[in-house]
């Protein structure tokens, strides 16, 4: 499940904090969320794809770590990202 460049650029443009920002926590969380969403769709038709399930678990754990970091560092940015991505509902 490769992330298309067009989608990646759109996500970065939406969540970046400055013009040259491509790696802030917000951008990383948004990119991981998009990949998790695509894998979720993949599992609807490929229920027994165990290797991708393992990869998805790793992505979810990585996103959780970034969210925890952002929550401790700047709660306002954390709330903004959670609200925009509709996480933890």
N, C-alpha and C. Protein backbone atom coordinates (compact mmCIF):
# COMPACT_ATOMS: atom_id res chain seq x y z
N UNK A 1 0.82 -1.18 0.00
CA UNK A 1 0.00 0.00 0.00
C UNK A 1 0.87 1.25 0.00
N UNK A 2 1.35 1.61 -1.12
CA UNK A 2 2.19 2.80 -1.21
C UNK A 2 1.32 4.05 -1.14
N UNK A 3 1.88 5.05 -0.53
CA UNK A 3 1.20 6.32 -0.41
C UNK A 3 1.52 7.12 -1.67
N UNK A 4 0.50 7.48 -2.42
CA UNK A 4 0.72 8.22 -3.65
C UNK A 4 1.26 9.61 -3.34
N UNK A 5 2.13 10.10 -4.20
CA UNK A 5 2.75 11.40 -3.98
C UNK A 5 1.72 12.52 -3.88
N UNK A 6 0.65 12.43 -4.69
CA UNK A 6 -0.36 13.48 -4.66
C UNK A 6 -1.04 13.53 -3.30
N UNK A 7 -1.39 12.35 -2.76
CA UNK A 7 -2.03 12.29 -1.45
C UNK A 7 -1.09 12.77 -0.36
N UNK A 8 0.16 12.35 -0.47
CA UNK A 8 1.15 12.73 0.53
C UNK A 8 1.36 14.24 0.55
N UNK A 9 1.44 14.85 -0.63
CA UNK A 9 1.62 16.29 -0.70
C UNK A 9 0.42 17.04 -0.13
N UNK A 10 -0.79 16.54 -0.40
CA UNK A 10 -1.99 17.16 0.14
C UNK A 10 -2.00 17.11 1.67
N UNK A 11 -1.65 15.96 2.21
CA UNK A 11 -1.64 15.79 3.67
C UNK A 11 -0.60 16.70 4.30
N UNK A 12 0.58 16.73 3.71
CA UNK A 12 1.65 17.59 4.24
C UNK A 12 1.22 19.06 4.18
N UNK A 13 0.61 19.46 3.08
CA UNK A 13 0.18 20.85 2.92
C UNK A 13 -0.87 21.22 3.96
N UNK A 14 -1.74 20.28 4.29
CA UNK A 14 -2.82 20.56 5.24
C UNK A 14 -2.31 20.64 6.68
N UNK A 15 -1.36 19.81 7.07
CA UNK A 15 -0.95 19.69 8.46
C UNK A 15 0.38 20.35 8.80
N UNK A 16 1.08 20.91 7.82
CA UNK A 16 2.37 21.50 8.12
C UNK A 16 2.22 22.78 8.95
N UNK A 17 3.29 23.08 9.69
CA UNK A 17 3.28 24.25 10.56
C UNK A 17 3.94 25.45 9.90
N UNK A 18 4.79 25.21 8.93
CA UNK A 18 5.43 26.29 8.19
C UNK A 18 5.60 25.83 6.74
N UNK A 19 6.10 26.71 5.92
CA UNK A 19 6.22 26.42 4.49
C UNK A 19 7.14 25.24 4.20
N UNK A 20 8.21 25.08 4.96
CA UNK A 20 9.19 24.02 4.70
C UNK A 20 9.00 22.79 5.58
N UNK A 21 7.95 22.75 6.36
CA UNK A 21 7.72 21.67 7.32
C UNK A 21 7.22 20.42 6.61
N UNK A 22 7.96 19.33 6.75
CA UNK A 22 7.52 18.05 6.21
C UNK A 22 7.62 16.93 7.24
N UNK A 23 8.15 17.22 8.42
CA UNK A 23 8.39 16.15 9.36
C UNK A 23 7.94 16.42 10.78
N UNK A 24 7.09 17.43 10.97
CA UNK A 24 6.62 17.69 12.32
C UNK A 24 5.73 16.55 12.79
N UNK A 25 5.47 16.52 14.07
CA UNK A 25 4.64 15.46 14.64
C UNK A 25 3.27 15.41 13.99
N UNK A 26 2.69 16.59 13.74
CA UNK A 26 1.36 16.64 13.13
C UNK A 26 1.35 15.99 11.75
N UNK A 27 2.36 16.29 10.96
CA UNK A 27 2.45 15.72 9.61
C UNK A 27 2.64 14.20 9.70
N UNK A 28 3.52 13.76 10.57
CA UNK A 28 3.76 12.33 10.71
C UNK A 28 2.50 11.59 11.15
N UNK A 29 1.77 12.16 12.11
CA UNK A 29 0.54 11.53 12.59
C UNK A 29 -0.49 11.46 11.47
N UNK A 30 -0.61 12.53 10.69
CA UNK A 30 -1.57 12.54 9.59
C UNK A 30 -1.22 11.51 8.52
N UNK A 31 0.06 11.40 8.19
CA UNK A 31 0.47 10.42 7.18
C UNK A 31 0.23 8.99 7.67
N UNK A 32 0.55 8.74 8.94
CA UNK A 32 0.29 7.41 9.50
C UNK A 32 -1.20 7.10 9.52
N UNK A 33 -2.02 8.09 9.86
CA UNK A 33 -3.46 7.88 9.89
C UNK A 33 -4.00 7.53 8.51
N UNK A 34 -3.47 8.20 7.49
CA UNK A 34 -3.91 7.90 6.12
C UNK A 34 -3.53 6.47 5.73
N UNK A 35 -2.31 6.06 6.09
CA UNK A 35 -1.87 4.69 5.77
C UNK A 35 -2.72 3.66 6.52
N UNK A 36 -3.04 3.94 7.78
CA UNK A 36 -3.87 3.03 8.57
C UNK A 36 -5.25 2.92 7.95
N UNK A 37 -5.80 4.03 7.50
CA UNK A 37 -7.11 4.02 6.85
C UNK A 37 -7.10 3.16 5.59
N UNK A 38 -6.05 3.30 4.79
CA UNK A 38 -5.95 2.50 3.56
C UNK A 38 -5.80 1.00 3.88
N UNK A 39 -5.04 0.68 4.91
CA UNK A 39 -4.89 -0.73 5.29
C UNK A 39 -6.21 -1.29 5.83
N UNK A 40 -6.98 -0.48 6.52
CA UNK A 40 -8.28 -0.91 7.02
C UNK A 40 -9.19 -1.29 5.86
N UNK A 41 -9.17 -0.49 4.81
CA UNK A 41 -9.94 -0.81 3.61
C UNK A 41 -9.44 -2.10 2.96
N UNK A 42 -8.14 -2.29 2.96
CA UNK A 42 -7.53 -3.50 2.38
C UNK A 42 -8.01 -4.75 3.11
N UNK A 43 -8.14 -4.66 4.44
CA UNK A 43 -8.54 -5.83 5.23
C UNK A 43 -9.99 -6.23 5.04
N UNK A 44 -10.80 -5.34 4.48
CA UNK A 44 -12.19 -5.70 4.22
C UNK A 44 -12.29 -6.81 3.17
N UNK A 45 -11.35 -6.84 2.25
CA UNK A 45 -11.38 -7.89 1.22
C UNK A 45 -10.29 -8.94 1.41
N UNK A 46 -9.31 -8.68 2.27
CA UNK A 46 -8.22 -9.62 2.50
C UNK A 46 -8.09 -9.89 4.00
N UNK A 47 -9.05 -10.62 4.52
CA UNK A 47 -9.14 -10.83 5.96
C UNK A 47 -7.98 -11.65 6.55
N UNK A 48 -7.34 -12.46 5.75
CA UNK A 48 -6.30 -13.36 6.27
C UNK A 48 -4.88 -12.86 6.00
N UNK A 49 -4.74 -11.61 5.65
CA UNK A 49 -3.42 -11.03 5.35
C UNK A 49 -2.71 -10.69 6.66
N UNK A 50 -2.08 -11.70 7.25
CA UNK A 50 -1.49 -11.57 8.58
C UNK A 50 -0.28 -10.65 8.57
N UNK A 51 0.51 -10.67 7.53
CA UNK A 51 1.71 -9.85 7.48
C UNK A 51 1.34 -8.36 7.46
N UNK A 52 0.32 -8.02 6.71
CA UNK A 52 -0.12 -6.62 6.69
C UNK A 52 -0.74 -6.22 8.02
N UNK A 53 -1.38 -7.17 8.69
CA UNK A 53 -1.94 -6.86 10.01
C UNK A 53 -0.83 -6.51 10.99
N UNK A 54 0.27 -7.22 10.92
CA UNK A 54 1.42 -6.93 11.77
C UNK A 54 1.96 -5.54 11.45
N UNK A 55 2.07 -5.23 10.18
CA UNK A 55 2.54 -3.90 9.78
C UNK A 55 1.60 -2.81 10.25
N UNK A 56 0.30 -3.07 10.19
CA UNK A 56 -0.66 -2.08 10.65
C UNK A 56 -0.55 -1.86 12.15
N UNK A 57 -0.34 -2.94 12.90
CA UNK A 57 -0.16 -2.80 14.35
C UNK A 57 1.04 -1.91 14.66
N UNK A 58 2.11 -2.09 13.90
CA UNK A 58 3.29 -1.25 14.08
C UNK A 58 2.99 0.22 13.79
N UNK A 59 2.21 0.47 12.73
CA UNK A 59 1.83 1.84 12.38
C UNK A 59 0.98 2.47 13.48
N UNK A 60 0.03 1.70 14.02
CA UNK A 60 -0.84 2.20 15.08
C UNK A 60 -0.01 2.53 16.32
N UNK A 61 0.93 1.66 16.67
CA UNK A 61 1.78 1.92 17.83
C UNK A 61 2.66 3.14 17.62
N UNK A 62 3.17 3.31 16.42
CA UNK A 62 4.00 4.48 16.12
C UNK A 62 3.17 5.76 16.22
N UNK A 63 1.94 5.72 15.69
CA UNK A 63 1.06 6.89 15.78
C UNK A 63 0.72 7.21 17.23
N UNK A 64 0.48 6.17 18.02
CA UNK A 64 0.18 6.38 19.43
C UNK A 64 1.35 7.03 20.16
N UNK A 65 2.55 6.60 19.85
CA UNK A 65 3.74 7.20 20.46
C UNK A 65 3.87 8.67 20.09
N UNK A 66 3.63 8.99 18.83
CA UNK A 66 3.71 10.38 18.39
C UNK A 66 2.61 11.22 19.05
N UNK A 67 1.41 10.65 19.19
CA UNK A 67 0.33 11.38 19.84
C UNK A 67 0.65 11.63 21.31
N UNK A 68 1.21 10.64 21.99
CA UNK A 68 1.60 10.81 23.39
C UNK A 68 2.67 11.90 23.53
N UNK A 69 3.63 11.89 22.62
CA UNK A 69 4.69 12.90 22.63
C UNK A 69 4.09 14.29 22.44
N UNK A 70 3.21 14.43 21.45
CA UNK A 70 2.61 15.72 21.15
C UNK A 70 1.73 16.20 22.30
N UNK A 71 1.04 15.29 22.94
CA UNK A 71 0.17 15.65 24.07
C UNK A 71 1.00 16.21 25.23
N UNK A 72 2.16 15.63 25.47
CA UNK A 72 3.03 16.12 26.53
C UNK A 72 3.73 17.42 26.16
N UNK A 73 4.07 17.56 24.91
CA UNK A 73 4.83 18.73 24.44
C UNK A 73 3.94 19.96 24.26
N UNK A 74 2.80 19.79 23.58
CA UNK A 74 1.92 20.92 23.29
C UNK A 74 0.47 20.42 23.20
N UNK A 75 -0.26 20.45 24.30
CA UNK A 75 -1.64 19.93 24.32
C UNK A 75 -2.58 20.61 23.32
N UNK A 76 -2.36 21.88 23.02
CA UNK A 76 -3.23 22.58 22.07
C UNK A 76 -3.07 21.99 20.67
N UNK A 77 -1.84 21.75 20.25
CA UNK A 77 -1.61 21.14 18.93
C UNK A 77 -2.15 19.72 18.90
N UNK A 78 -2.01 19.00 20.02
CA UNK A 78 -2.54 17.64 20.13
C UNK A 78 -4.05 17.64 19.90
N UNK A 79 -4.75 18.52 20.60
CA UNK A 79 -6.21 18.60 20.46
C UNK A 79 -6.61 18.93 19.03
N UNK A 80 -5.87 19.84 18.40
CA UNK A 80 -6.17 20.23 17.02
C UNK A 80 -6.03 19.04 16.06
N UNK A 81 -4.95 18.29 16.22
CA UNK A 81 -4.70 17.14 15.33
C UNK A 81 -5.77 16.06 15.55
N UNK A 82 -6.08 15.77 16.80
CA UNK A 82 -7.08 14.74 17.11
C UNK A 82 -8.44 15.14 16.53
N UNK A 83 -8.77 16.42 16.64
CA UNK A 83 -10.06 16.89 16.13
C UNK A 83 -10.10 16.83 14.59
N UNK A 84 -9.03 17.27 13.93
CA UNK A 84 -9.01 17.28 12.47
C UNK A 84 -9.02 15.88 11.88
N UNK A 85 -8.34 14.95 12.53
CA UNK A 85 -8.27 13.57 12.03
C UNK A 85 -9.41 12.71 12.55
N UNK A 86 -10.22 13.28 13.43
CA UNK A 86 -11.35 12.56 14.02
C UNK A 86 -10.91 11.28 14.72
N UNK A 87 -9.85 11.42 15.53
CA UNK A 87 -9.35 10.31 16.32
C UNK A 87 -9.95 10.39 17.72
N UNK A 88 -10.04 9.27 18.41
CA UNK A 88 -10.49 9.22 19.79
C UNK A 88 -11.79 9.95 19.99
N UNK A 89 -12.82 9.38 19.40
CA UNK A 89 -14.04 10.01 19.33
C UNK A 89 -15.07 10.20 20.24
